[in-house]
Amino acid sequence: MANLRDIRLRIKAVKNTAQITKAMQMVATSKMKRAQEQALAGRAYAVLMAEILMELETHSVFADTDKPLHPFLAARPVKKRGILVLSPDKGLCGPLVSNLVRMIADIPRDQASYVCIGRKGFQFLSRSQRHVLAEFSVNDKAPFNQVRPAIEVLIKAYENGEVDTIEVLFARFVNVMRQEPVLEALVPVHDLKKAIHDLVGDAHYTKTAPIAVDIREIKFEPAPEIILAELLDLFVKREAYQMVLESKASEHSARMVAMKTATDNAKALVQDLTLGYNKARQAAITQEILEIAAAATASDS
């Protein structure tokens, strides 16, 4: 009977766990839908900024490649990489965190400095004794004013020569079942024309934010050189912000799938335990009947 009590307690514990994972799945589903809509809506803005830069590239601001008009366009030797790590604050989101951590582990320890958004990435960087410039926290709504200080830390470090690149490590949202860990370089922009065309031609963006064909000539006020100096800085910040939105959508999608899998596994385990409990109970009853029958036979004899 002690064995039956243990099985009953385990069934109860698994059922309680299934209720918790089911609730977490529903919460993650709600957050995932909101984050997905926010990420998809942000792509149209990024594409629009790229269209303006495409118009700028037709002007003389890109003619003199020997004298870049913006620090982001100047190539220089890479001695120290600057990487913005976008990771979840919480776990229980399947292999998403481990995939990001694996990519960080592949980077030599003394070749990069990091800025973190999310506790999971910061915890790994601290344990592995890597150089962290700053750590930030962003809530699920991920407003731009919370993300901007993080990318500005890297921009300032780049301008001061502390780092020679600005890269972003994040989980790109493809669909609910698929999130791709990506290490994407933002600065320096070695070929602005190619970067613009790559963004405009990216299926992840144009599928949800199609580009309207407009053959009209655009007149820039003030001069294109002045607009470039301001717009390129905003473009880099906006690209980093878009990656934060993609990362949030990936996090909630991965957590929803992980919790659904956990709930399904718990239900399957309850069925197995219930079957085992019924077999053990039936065996116990059969054993009692045999014992009673044996006792009755012994008394008659």
Foldseek 3Di string as FASTA:
>chain_A
DVVLVVLVVVLVVLVVVLVVLVVLLVVLVVLLVVLVVVLLVLLQVLLVLLVVVLLLVVDCQPVDLVDHLEQQQDADDFQAAEEEEEDAQDDLLPCFLVVLLVVVVVDDQRRYEYEYEYDSVVVSCVVVVHHYPYYFYADSVLDLVRQLVRVVSVVVCCVVVVGVWYWYWAWACDDLVGTHTDIGTLGNDNDSNVVSVCSLPDCVRCVSNPDDDDPDRDDDPPDSSVCCHVSSVVSSSSVSSSRNSRRSSSRSSSNSVSSVVSSVVSVVVSVVSVVVSVVVVVVVVVVVVVVVVVVVVVVVD
